[in-house]
Amino acid sequence: SLLLQMNSLKPEDTAIYYCAAHKQTW
């Protein structure tokens, strides 16, 4: 799994959040 820990959230953080995978190493 991939994780995103979000602390001290602000109203401007309101959004739909997406995870994405990239085949490359960079």
mmCIF file of all heavy atoms, coordinates in Angstrom:
data_MODEL
# 
_entry.id   MODEL 
# 
loop_
_atom_site.group_PDB 
_atom_site.id 
_atom_site.type_symbol 
_atom_site.label_atom_id 
_atom_site.label_alt_id 
_atom_site.label_comp_id 
_atom_site.label_asym_id 
_atom_site.label_entity_id 
_atom_site.label_seq_id 
_atom_site.pdbx_PDB_ins_code 
_atom_site.Cartn_x 
_atom_site.Cartn_y 
_atom_site.Cartn_z 
_atom_site.occupancy 
_atom_site.B_iso_or_equiv 
_atom_site.pdbx_formal_charge 
_atom_site.auth_seq_id 
_atom_site.auth_comp_id 
_atom_site.auth_asym_id 
_atom_site.auth_atom_id 
_atom_site.pdbx_PDB_model_num 
ATOM 1   N N   . SER A 1 1  ? 0.816   -1.204 0.000   1.00 0.00 ? 1  SER A N   1 
ATOM 2   C CA  . SER A 1 1  ? 0.000   0.000  0.000   1.00 0.00 ? 1  SER A CA  1 
ATOM 3   C C   . SER A 1 1  ? 0.854   1.260  0.000   1.00 0.00 ? 1  SER A C   1 
ATOM 4   O O   . SER A 1 1  ? 2.000   1.251  0.464   1.00 0.00 ? 1  SER A O   1 
ATOM 5   C CB  . SER A 1 1  ? -0.913  0.040  1.229   1.00 0.00 ? 1  SER A CB  1 
ATOM 6   O OG  . SER A 1 1  ? -1.802  -1.063 1.254   1.00 0.00 ? 1  SER A OG  1 
ATOM 7   N N   . LEU A 1 2  ? 0.278   2.317  -0.510  1.00 0.00 ? 2  LEU A N   1 
ATOM 8   C CA  . LEU A 1 2  ? 0.868   3.646  -0.448  1.00 0.00 ? 2  LEU A CA  1 
ATOM 9   C C   . LEU A 1 2  ? 0.071   4.444  0.574   1.00 0.00 ? 2  LEU A C   1 
ATOM 10  O O   . LEU A 1 2  ? -1.154  4.305  0.651   1.00 0.00 ? 2  LEU A O   1 
ATOM 11  C CB  . LEU A 1 2  ? 0.800   4.329  -1.815  1.00 0.00 ? 2  LEU A CB  1 
ATOM 12  C CG  . LEU A 1 2  ? 1.420   5.718  -1.919  1.00 0.00 ? 2  LEU A CG  1 
ATOM 13  C CD1 . LEU A 1 2  ? 2.942   5.614  -1.942  1.00 0.00 ? 2  LEU A CD1 1 
ATOM 14  C CD2 . LEU A 1 2  ? 0.908   6.438  -3.162  1.00 0.00 ? 2  LEU A CD2 1 
ATOM 15  N N   . LEU A 1 3  ? 0.754   5.285  1.340   1.00 0.00 ? 3  LEU A N   1 
ATOM 16  C CA  . LEU A 1 3  ? 0.107   6.043  2.393   1.00 0.00 ? 3  LEU A CA  1 
ATOM 17  C C   . LEU A 1 3  ? 0.366   7.531  2.243   1.00 0.00 ? 3  LEU A C   1 
ATOM 18  O O   . LEU A 1 3  ? 1.382   7.951  1.697   1.00 0.00 ? 3  LEU A O   1 
ATOM 19  C CB  . LEU A 1 3  ? 0.613   5.593  3.767   1.00 0.00 ? 3  LEU A CB  1 
ATOM 20  C CG  . LEU A 1 3  ? 0.492   4.104  4.106   1.00 0.00 ? 3  LEU A CG  1 
ATOM 21  C CD1 . LEU A 1 3  ? 1.189   3.817  5.422   1.00 0.00 ? 3  LEU A CD1 1 
ATOM 22  C CD2 . LEU A 1 3  ? -0.974  3.695  4.172   1.00 0.00 ? 3  LEU A CD2 1 
ATOM 23  N N   . LEU A 1 4  ? -0.559  8.323  2.738   1.00 0.00 ? 4  LEU A N   1 
ATOM 24  C CA  . LEU A 1 4  ? -0.370  9.762  2.846   1.00 0.00 ? 4  LEU A CA  1 
ATOM 25  C C   . LEU A 1 4  ? -0.881  10.190 4.208   1.00 0.00 ? 4  LEU A C   1 
ATOM 26  O O   . LEU A 1 4  ? -2.089  10.175 4.458   1.00 0.00 ? 4  LEU A O   1 
ATOM 27  C CB  . LEU A 1 4  ? -1.108  10.515 1.739   1.00 0.00 ? 4  LEU A CB  1 
ATOM 28  C CG  . LEU A 1 4  ? -0.911  12.033 1.750   1.00 0.00 ? 4  LEU A CG  1 
ATOM 29  C CD1 . LEU A 1 4  ? 0.538   12.381 1.394   1.00 0.00 ? 4  LEU A CD1 1 
ATOM 30  C CD2 . LEU A 1 4  ? -1.874  12.725 0.788   1.00 0.00 ? 4  LEU A CD2 1 
ATOM 31  N N   . GLN A 1 5  ? 0.041   10.541 5.083   1.00 0.00 ? 5  GLN A N   1 
ATOM 32  C CA  . GLN A 1 5  ? -0.323  11.066 6.389   1.00 0.00 ? 5  GLN A CA  1 
ATOM 33  C C   . GLN A 1 5  ? -0.506  12.562 6.263   1.00 0.00 ? 5  GLN A C   1 
ATOM 34  O O   . GLN A 1 5  ? 0.401   13.272 5.831   1.00 0.00 ? 5  GLN A O   1 
ATOM 35  C CB  . GLN A 1 5  ? 0.762   10.748 7.418   1.00 0.00 ? 5  GLN A CB  1 
ATOM 36  C CG  . GLN A 1 5  ? 0.475   11.278 8.817   1.00 0.00 ? 5  GLN A CG  1 
ATOM 37  C CD  . GLN A 1 5  ? -0.727  10.629 9.450   1.00 0.00 ? 5  GLN A CD  1 
ATOM 38  O OE1 . GLN A 1 5  ? -0.878  9.414  9.398   1.00 0.00 ? 5  GLN A OE1 1 
ATOM 39  N NE2 . GLN A 1 5  ? -1.609  11.437 10.044  1.00 0.00 ? 5  GLN A NE2 1 
ATOM 40  N N   . MET A 1 6  ? -1.674  13.058 6.633   1.00 0.00 ? 6  MET A N   1 
ATOM 41  C CA  . MET A 1 6  ? -2.001  14.467 6.514   1.00 0.00 ? 6  MET A CA  1 
ATOM 42  C C   . MET A 1 6  ? -2.285  15.023 7.903   1.00 0.00 ? 6  MET A C   1 
ATOM 43  O O   . MET A 1 6  ? -3.243  14.614 8.563   1.00 0.00 ? 6  MET A O   1 
ATOM 44  C CB  . MET A 1 6  ? -3.210  14.674 5.603   1.00 0.00 ? 6  MET A CB  1 
ATOM 45  C CG  . MET A 1 6  ? -3.063  14.036 4.230   1.00 0.00 ? 6  MET A CG  1 
ATOM 46  S SD  . MET A 1 6  ? -4.430  14.469 3.114   1.00 0.00 ? 6  MET A SD  1 
ATOM 47  C CE  . MET A 1 6  ? -5.787  13.691 3.983   1.00 0.00 ? 6  MET A CE  1 
ATOM 48  N N   . ASN A 1 7  ? -1.453  15.949 8.338   1.00 0.00 ? 7  ASN A N   1 
ATOM 49  C CA  . ASN A 1 7  ? -1.614  16.590 9.635   1.00 0.00 ? 7  ASN A CA  1 
ATOM 50  C C   . ASN A 1 7  ? -1.937  18.067 9.462   1.00 0.00 ? 7  ASN A C   1 
ATOM 51  O O   . ASN A 1 7  ? -1.687  18.656 8.412   1.00 0.00 ? 7  ASN A O   1 
ATOM 52  C CB  . ASN A 1 7  ? -0.336  16.436 10.468  1.00 0.00 ? 7  ASN A CB  1 
ATOM 53  C CG  . ASN A 1 7  ? -0.003  15.002 10.789  1.00 0.00 ? 7  ASN A CG  1 
ATOM 54  O OD1 . ASN A 1 7  ? -0.890  14.161 10.950  1.00 0.00 ? 7  ASN A OD1 1 
ATOM 55  N ND2 . ASN A 1 7  ? 1.286   14.712 10.899  1.00 0.00 ? 7  ASN A ND2 1 
ATOM 56  N N   . SER A 1 8  ? -2.469  18.659 10.506  1.00 0.00 ? 8  SER A N   1 
ATOM 57  C CA  . SER A 1 8  ? -2.777  20.093 10.508  1.00 0.00 ? 8  SER A CA  1 
ATOM 58  C C   . SER A 1 8  ? -3.552  20.501 9.267   1.00 0.00 ? 8  SER A C   1 
ATOM 59  O O   . SER A 1 8  ? -3.213  21.470 8.578   1.00 0.00 ? 8  SER A O   1 
ATOM 60  C CB  . SER A 1 8  ? -1.481  20.908 10.624  1.00 0.00 ? 8  SER A CB  1 
ATOM 61  O OG  . SER A 1 8  ? -0.766  20.579 11.797  1.00 0.00 ? 8  SER A OG  1 
ATOM 62  N N   . LEU A 1 9  ? -4.606  19.784 8.985   1.00 0.00 ? 9  LEU A N   1 
ATOM 63  C CA  . LEU A 1 9  ? -5.375  20.019 7.769   1.00 0.00 ? 9  LEU A CA  1 
ATOM 64  C C   . LEU A 1 9  ? -6.007  21.406 7.752   1.00 0.00 ? 9  LEU A C   1 
ATOM 65  O O   . LEU A 1 9  ? -6.413  21.934 8.786   1.00 0.00 ? 9  LEU A O   1 
ATOM 66  C CB  . LEU A 1 9  ? -6.444  18.955 7.610   1.00 0.00 ? 9  LEU A CB  1 
ATOM 67  C CG  . LEU A 1 9  ? -5.913  17.599 7.138   1.00 0.00 ? 9  LEU A CG  1 
ATOM 68  C CD1 . LEU A 1 9  ? -6.917  16.500 7.421   1.00 0.00 ? 9  LEU A CD1 1 
ATOM 69  C CD2 . LEU A 1 9  ? -5.590  17.660 5.647   1.00 0.00 ? 9  LEU A CD2 1 
ATOM 70  N N   . LYS A 1 10 ? -6.068  21.964 6.564   1.00 0.00 ? 10 LYS A N   1 
ATOM 71  C CA  . LYS A 1 10 ? -6.617  23.288 6.336   1.00 0.00 ? 10 LYS A CA  1 
ATOM 72  C C   . LYS A 1 10 ? -7.788  23.196 5.363   1.00 0.00 ? 10 LYS A C   1 
ATOM 73  O O   . LYS A 1 10 ? -7.854  22.261 4.564   1.00 0.00 ? 10 LYS A O   1 
ATOM 74  C CB  . LYS A 1 10 ? -5.549  24.218 5.751   1.00 0.00 ? 10 LYS A CB  1 
ATOM 75  C CG  . LYS A 1 10 ? -4.293  24.353 6.585   1.00 0.00 ? 10 LYS A CG  1 
ATOM 76  C CD  . LYS A 1 10 ? -3.254  25.202 5.862   1.00 0.00 ? 10 LYS A CD  1 
ATOM 77  C CE  . LYS A 1 10 ? -1.993  25.348 6.680   1.00 0.00 ? 10 LYS A CE  1 
ATOM 78  N NZ  . LYS A 1 10 ? -0.975  26.165 5.975   1.00 0.00 ? 10 LYS A NZ  1 
ATOM 79  N N   . PRO A 1 11 ? -8.696  24.169 5.391   1.00 0.00 ? 11 PRO A N   1 
ATOM 80  C CA  . PRO A 1 11 ? -9.816  24.140 4.445   1.00 0.00 ? 11 PRO A CA  1 
ATOM 81  C C   . PRO A 1 11 ? -9.364  24.037 2.988   1.00 0.00 ? 11 PRO A C   1 
ATOM 82  O O   . PRO A 1 11 ? -10.047 23.398 2.185   1.00 0.00 ? 11 PRO A O   1 
ATOM 83  C CB  . PRO A 1 11 ? -10.530 25.472 4.716   1.00 0.00 ? 11 PRO A CB  1 
ATOM 84  C CG  . PRO A 1 11 ? -10.264 25.718 6.165   1.00 0.00 ? 11 PRO A CG  1 
ATOM 85  C CD  . PRO A 1 11 ? -8.845  25.254 6.378   1.00 0.00 ? 11 PRO A CD  1 
ATOM 86  N N   . GLU A 1 12 ? -8.247  24.642 2.652   1.00 0.00 ? 12 GLU A N   1 
ATOM 87  C CA  . GLU A 1 12 ? -7.758  24.587 1.283   1.00 0.00 ? 12 GLU A CA  1 
ATOM 88  C C   . GLU A 1 12 ? -7.245  23.208 0.872   1.00 0.00 ? 12 GLU A C   1 
ATOM 89  O O   . GLU A 1 12 ? -6.915  22.990 -0.293  1.00 0.00 ? 12 GLU A O   1 
ATOM 90  C CB  . GLU A 1 12 ? -6.668  25.642 1.031   1.00 0.00 ? 12 GLU A CB  1 
ATOM 91  C CG  . GLU A 1 12 ? -5.543  25.625 2.049   1.00 0.00 ? 12 GLU A CG  1 
ATOM 92  C CD  . GLU A 1 12 ? -5.730  26.664 3.142   1.00 0.00 ? 12 GLU A CD  1 
ATOM 93  O OE1 . GLU A 1 12 ? -6.858  26.803 3.653   1.00 0.00 ? 12 GLU A OE1 1 
ATOM 94  O OE2 . GLU A 1 12 ? -4.741  27.346 3.483   1.00 0.00 ? 12 GLU A OE2 1 
ATOM 95  N N   . ASP A 1 13 ? -7.167  22.279 1.819   1.00 0.00 ? 13 ASP A N   1 
ATOM 96  C CA  . ASP A 1 13 ? -6.820  20.899 1.498   1.00 0.00 ? 13 ASP A CA  1 
ATOM 97  C C   . ASP A 1 13 ? -8.025  20.119 0.985   1.00 0.00 ? 13 ASP A C   1 
ATOM 98  O O   . ASP A 1 13 ? -7.878  18.969 0.557   1.00 0.00 ? 13 ASP A O   1 
ATOM 99  C CB  . ASP A 1 13 ? -6.245  20.183 2.723   1.00 0.00 ? 13 ASP A CB  1 
ATOM 100 C CG  . ASP A 1 13 ? -4.925  20.773 3.173   1.00 0.00 ? 13 ASP A CG  1 
ATOM 101 O OD1 . ASP A 1 13 ? -4.085  21.116 2.315   1.00 0.00 ? 13 ASP A OD1 1 
ATOM 102 O OD2 . ASP A 1 13 ? -4.725  20.879 4.404   1.00 0.00 ? 13 ASP A OD2 1 
ATOM 103 N N   . THR A 1 14 ? -9.193  20.710 1.052   1.00 0.00 ? 14 THR A N   1 
ATOM 104 C CA  . THR A 1 14 ? -10.403 20.050 0.575   1.00 0.00 ? 14 THR A CA  1 
ATOM 105 C C   . THR A 1 14 ? -10.274 19.715 -0.906  1.00 0.00 ? 14 THR A C   1 
ATOM 106 O O   . THR A 1 14 ? -10.024 20.591 -1.732  1.00 0.00 ? 14 THR A O   1 
ATOM 107 C CB  . THR A 1 14 ? -11.625 20.946 0.801   1.00 0.00 ? 14 THR A CB  1 
ATOM 108 O OG1 . THR A 1 14 ? -11.823 21.135 2.209   1.00 0.00 ? 14 THR A OG1 1 
ATOM 109 C CG2 . THR A 1 14 ? -12.875 20.323 0.200   1.00 0.00 ? 14 THR A CG2 1 
ATOM 110 N N   . ALA A 1 15 ? -10.432 18.442 -1.233  1.00 0.00 ? 15 ALA A N   1 
ATOM 111 C CA  . ALA A 1 15 ? -10.260 17.979 -2.608  1.00 0.00 ? 15 ALA A CA  1 
ATOM 112 C C   . ALA A 1 15 ? -10.521 16.486 -2.666  1.00 0.00 ? 15 ALA A C   1 
ATOM 113 O O   . ALA A 1 15 ? -10.669 15.819 -1.639  1.00 0.00 ? 15 ALA A O   1 
ATOM 114 C CB  . ALA A 1 15 ? -8.839  18.273 -3.101  1.00 0.00 ? 15 ALA A CB  1 
ATOM 115 N N   . ILE A 1 16 ? -10.562 15.973 -3.881  1.00 0.00 ? 16 ILE A N   1 
ATOM 116 C CA  . ILE A 1 16 ? -10.528 14.540 -4.083  1.00 0.00 ? 16 ILE A CA  1 
ATOM 117 C C   . ILE A 1 16 ? -9.067  14.159 -4.259  1.00 0.00 ? 16 ILE A C   1 
ATOM 118 O O   . ILE A 1 16 ? -8.365  14.764 -5.071  1.00 0.00 ? 16 ILE A O   1 
ATOM 119 C CB  . ILE A 1 16 ? -11.344 14.106 -5.316  1.00 0.00 ? 16 ILE A CB  1 
ATOM 120 C CG1 . ILE A 1 16 ? -12.812 14.479 -5.131  1.00 0.00 ? 16 ILE A CG1 1 
ATOM 121 C CG2 . ILE A 1 16 ? -11.213 12.606 -5.543  1.00 0.00 ? 16 ILE A CG2 1 
ATOM 122 C CD1 . ILE A 1 16 ? -13.670 14.194 -6.342  1.00 0.00 ? 16 ILE A CD1 1 
ATOM 123 N N   . TYR A 1 17 ? -8.625  13.181 -3.503  1.00 0.00 ? 17 TYR A N   1 
ATOM 124 C CA  . TYR A 1 17 ? -7.229  12.768 -3.518  1.00 0.00 ? 17 TYR A CA  1 
ATOM 125 C C   . TYR A 1 17 ? -7.074  11.458 -4.280  1.00 0.00 ? 17 TYR A C   1 
ATOM 126 O O   . TYR A 1 17 ? -7.824  10.505 -4.059  1.00 0.00 ? 17 TYR A O   1 
ATOM 127 C CB  . TYR A 1 17 ? -6.709  12.604 -2.091  1.00 0.00 ? 17 TYR A CB  1 
ATOM 128 C CG  . TYR A 1 17 ? -6.422  13.921 -1.414  1.00 0.00 ? 17 TYR A CG  1 
ATOM 129 C CD1 . TYR A 1 17 ? -7.465  14.748 -1.012  1.00 0.00 ? 17 TYR A CD1 1 
ATOM 130 C CD2 . TYR A 1 17 ? -5.115  14.350 -1.192  1.00 0.00 ? 17 TYR A CD2 1 
ATOM 131 C CE1 . TYR A 1 17 ? -7.215  15.972 -0.414  1.00 0.00 ? 17 TYR A CE1 1 
ATOM 132 C CE2 . TYR A 1 17 ? -4.856  15.569 -0.589  1.00 0.00 ? 17 TYR A CE2 1 
ATOM 133 C CZ  . TYR A 1 17 ? -5.905  16.377 -0.202  1.00 0.00 ? 17 TYR A CZ  1 
ATOM 134 O OH  . TYR A 1 17 ? -5.644  17.586 0.397   1.00 0.00 ? 17 TYR A OH  1 
ATOM 135 N N   . TYR A 1 18 ? -6.076  11.424 -5.154  1.00 0.00 ? 18 TYR A N   1 
ATOM 136 C CA  . TYR A 1 18 ? -5.814  10.267 -5.997  1.00 0.00 ? 18 TYR A CA  1 
ATOM 137 C C   . TYR A 1 18 ? -4.397  9.755  -5.783  1.00 0.00 ? 18 TYR A C   1 
ATOM 138 O O   . TYR A 1 18 ? -3.466  10.548 -5.638  1.00 0.00 ? 18 TYR A O   1 
ATOM 139 C CB  . TYR A 1 18 ? -5.947  10.628 -7.479  1.00 0.00 ? 18 TYR A CB  1 
ATOM 140 C CG  . TYR A 1 18 ? -7.281  11.193 -7.884  1.00 0.00 ? 18 TYR A CG  1 
ATOM 141 C CD1 . TYR A 1 18 ? -7.531  12.555 -7.819  1.00 0.00 ? 18 TYR A CD1 1 
ATOM 142 C CD2 . TYR A 1 18 ? -8.285  10.354 -8.355  1.00 0.00 ? 18 TYR A CD2 1 
ATOM 143 C CE1 . TYR A 1 18 ? -8.750  13.079 -8.205  1.00 0.00 ? 18 TYR A CE1 1 
ATOM 144 C CE2 . TYR A 1 18 ? -9.511  10.867 -8.751  1.00 0.00 ? 18 TYR A CE2 1 
ATOM 145 C CZ  . TYR A 1 18 ? -9.734  12.235 -8.669  1.00 0.00 ? 18 TYR A CZ  1 
ATOM 146 O OH  . TYR A 1 18 ? -10.947 12.744 -9.067  1.00 0.00 ? 18 TYR A OH  1 
ATOM 147 N N   . CYS A 1 19 ? -4.231  8.449  -5.793  1.00 0.00 ? 19 CYS A N   1 
ATOM 148 C CA  . CYS A 1 19 ? -2.893  7.880  -5.830  1.00 0.00 ? 19 CYS A CA  1 
ATOM 149 C C   . CYS A 1 19 ? -2.608  7.429  -7.254  1.00 0.00 ? 19 CYS A C   1 
ATOM 150 O O   . CYS A 1 19 ? -3.519  7.113  -8.023  1.00 0.00 ? 19 CYS A O   1 
ATOM 151 C CB  . CYS A 1 19 ? -2.733  6.713  -4.852  1.00 0.00 ? 19 CYS A CB  1 
ATOM 152 S SG  . CYS A 1 19 ? -3.721  5.248  -5.209  1.00 0.00 ? 19 CYS A SG  1 
ATOM 153 N N   . ALA A 1 20 ? -1.334  7.425  -7.616  1.00 0.00 ? 20 ALA A N   1 
ATOM 154 C CA  . ALA A 1 20 ? -0.936  7.072  -8.966  1.00 0.00 ? 20 ALA A CA  1 
ATOM 155 C C   . ALA A 1 20 ? 0.414   6.370  -8.954  1.00 0.00 ? 20 ALA A C   1 
ATOM 156 O O   . ALA A 1 20 ? 1.277   6.691  -8.133  1.00 0.00 ? 20 ALA A O   1 
ATOM 157 C CB  . ALA A 1 20 ? -0.865  8.327  -9.838  1.00 0.00 ? 20 ALA A CB  1 
ATOM 158 N N   . ALA A 1 21 ? 0.589   5.431  -9.873  1.00 0.00 ? 21 ALA A N   1 
ATOM 159 C CA  . ALA A 1 21 ? 1.812   4.648  -9.976  1.00 0.00 ? 21 ALA A CA  1 
ATOM 160 C C   . ALA A 1 21 ? 2.518   4.923  -11.294 1.00 0.00 ? 21 ALA A C   1 
ATOM 161 O O   . ALA A 1 21 ? 1.883   4.987  -12.348 1.00 0.00 ? 21 ALA A O   1 
ATOM 162 C CB  . ALA A 1 21 ? 1.492   3.163  -9.857  1.00 0.00 ? 21 ALA A CB  1 
ATOM 163 N N   . HIS A 1 22 ? 3.821   5.063  -11.221 1.00 0.00 ? 22 HIS A N   1 
ATOM 164 C CA  . HIS A 1 22 ? 4.677   5.347  -12.364 1.00 0.00 ? 22 HIS A CA  1 
ATOM 165 C C   . HIS A 1 22 ? 5.666   4.200  -12.537 1.00 0.00 ? 22 HIS A C   1 
ATOM 166 O O   . HIS A 1 22 ? 6.363   3.842  -11.584 1.00 0.00 ? 22 HIS A O   1 
ATOM 167 C CB  . HIS A 1 22 ? 5.408   6.673  -12.134 1.00 0.00 ? 22 HIS A CB  1 
ATOM 168 C CG  . HIS A 1 22 ? 6.229   7.155  -13.275 1.00 0.00 ? 22 HIS A CG  1 
ATOM 169 N ND1 . HIS A 1 22 ? 7.475   7.726  -13.103 1.00 0.00 ? 22 HIS A ND1 1 
ATOM 170 C CD2 . HIS A 1 22 ? 5.987   7.171  -14.602 1.00 0.00 ? 22 HIS A CD2 1 
ATOM 171 C CE1 . HIS A 1 22 ? 7.956   8.077  -14.278 1.00 0.00 ? 22 HIS A CE1 1 
ATOM 172 N NE2 . HIS A 1 22 ? 7.066   7.748  -15.203 1.00 0.00 ? 22 HIS A NE2 1 
ATOM 173 N N   . LYS A 1 23 ? 5.758   3.641  -13.736 1.00 0.00 ? 23 LYS A N   1 
ATOM 174 C CA  . LYS A 1 23 ? 6.600   2.472  -13.973 1.00 0.00 ? 23 LYS A CA  1 
ATOM 175 C C   . LYS A 1 23 ? 8.095   2.741  -13.829 1.00 0.00 ? 23 LYS A C   1 
ATOM 176 O O   . LYS A 1 23 ? 8.862   1.811  -13.595 1.00 0.00 ? 23 LYS A O   1 
ATOM 177 C CB  . LYS A 1 23 ? 6.343   1.901  -15.371 1.00 0.00 ? 23 LYS A CB  1 
ATOM 178 C CG  . LYS A 1 23 ? 4.998   1.245  -15.543 1.00 0.00 ? 23 LYS A CG  1 
ATOM 179 C CD  . LYS A 1 23 ? 4.857   0.685  -16.937 1.00 0.00 ? 23 LYS A CD  1 
ATOM 180 C CE  . LYS A 1 23 ? 3.528   -0.011 -17.113 1.00 0.00 ? 23 LYS A CE  1 
ATOM 181 N NZ  . LYS A 1 23 ? 3.370   -0.540 -18.495 1.00 0.00 ? 23 LYS A NZ  1 
ATOM 182 N N   . GLN A 1 24 ? 8.494   3.982  -13.961 1.00 0.00 ? 24 GLN A N   1 
ATOM 183 C CA  . GLN A 1 24 ? 9.908   4.315  -13.915 1.00 0.00 ? 24 GLN A CA  1 
ATOM 184 C C   . GLN A 1 24 ? 10.411  4.426  -12.485 1.00 0.00 ? 24 GLN A C   1 
ATOM 185 O O   . GLN A 1 24 ? 9.632   4.408  -11.530 1.00 0.00 ? 24 GLN A O   1 
ATOM 186 C CB  . GLN A 1 24 ? 10.177  5.614  -14.681 1.00 0.00 ? 24 GLN A CB  1 
ATOM 187 C CG  . GLN A 1 24 ? 9.614   5.630  -16.087 1.00 0.00 ? 24 GLN A CG  1 
ATOM 188 C CD  . GLN A 1 24 ? 10.147  4.495  -16.946 1.00 0.00 ? 24 GLN A CD  1 
ATOM 189 O OE1 . GLN A 1 24 ? 11.285  4.060  -16.774 1.00 0.00 ? 24 GLN A OE1 1 
ATOM 190 N NE2 . GLN A 1 24 ? 9.328   4.010  -17.860 1.00 0.00 ? 24 GLN A NE2 1 
ATOM 191 N N   . THR A 1 25 ? 11.733  4.568  -12.347 1.00 0.00 ? 25 THR A N   1 
ATOM 192 C CA  . THR A 1 25 ? 12.336  4.645  -11.021 1.00 0.00 ? 25 THR A CA  1 
ATOM 193 C C   . THR A 1 25 ? 12.322  6.051  -10.449 1.00 0.00 ? 25 THR A C   1 
ATOM 194 O O   . THR A 1 25 ? 12.361  6.217  -9.228  1.00 0.00 ? 25 THR A O   1 
ATOM 195 C CB  . THR A 1 25 ? 13.783  4.142  -11.040 1.00 0.00 ? 25 THR A CB  1 
ATOM 196 O OG1 . THR A 1 25 ? 14.557  4.933  -11.947 1.00 0.00 ? 25 THR A OG1 1 
ATOM 197 C CG2 . THR A 1 25 ? 13.843  2.686  -11.482 1.00 0.00 ? 25 THR A CG2 1 
ATOM 198 N N   . TRP A 1 26 ? 12.261  7.065  -11.301 1.00 0.00 ? 26 TRP A N   1 
ATOM 199 C CA  . TRP A 1 26 ? 12.364  8.435  -10.854 1.00 0.00 ? 26 TRP A CA  1 
ATOM 200 C C   . TRP A 1 26 ? 10.997  9.015  -10.509 1.00 0.00 ? 26 TRP A C   1 
ATOM 201 O O   . TRP A 1 26 ? 9.974   8.622  -11.041 1.00 0.00 ? 26 TRP A O   1 
ATOM 202 C CB  . TRP A 1 26 ? 13.021  9.296  -11.937 1.00 0.00 ? 26 TRP A CB  1 
ATOM 203 C CG  . TRP A 1 26 ? 12.293  9.297  -13.251 1.00 0.00 ? 26 TRP A CG  1 
ATOM 204 C CD1 . TRP A 1 26 ? 11.263  10.105 -13.631 1.00 0.00 ? 26 TRP A CD1 1 
ATOM 205 C CD2 . TRP A 1 26 ? 12.555  8.439  -14.369 1.00 0.00 ? 26 TRP A CD2 1 
ATOM 206 N NE1 . TRP A 1 26 ? 10.864  9.809  -14.914 1.00 0.00 ? 26 TRP A NE1 1 
ATOM 207 C CE2 . TRP A 1 26 ? 11.644  8.784  -15.397 1.00 0.00 ? 26 TRP A CE2 1 
ATOM 208 C CE3 . TRP A 1 26 ? 13.484  7.416  -14.600 1.00 0.00 ? 26 TRP A CE3 1 
ATOM 209 C CZ2 . TRP A 1 26 ? 11.621  8.147  -16.627 1.00 0.00 ? 26 TRP A CZ2 1 
ATOM 210 C CZ3 . TRP A 1 26 ? 13.466  6.774  -15.838 1.00 0.00 ? 26 TRP A CZ3 1 
ATOM 211 C CH2 . TRP A 1 26 ? 12.547  7.146  -16.831 1.00 0.00 ? 26 TRP A CH2 1 
# 
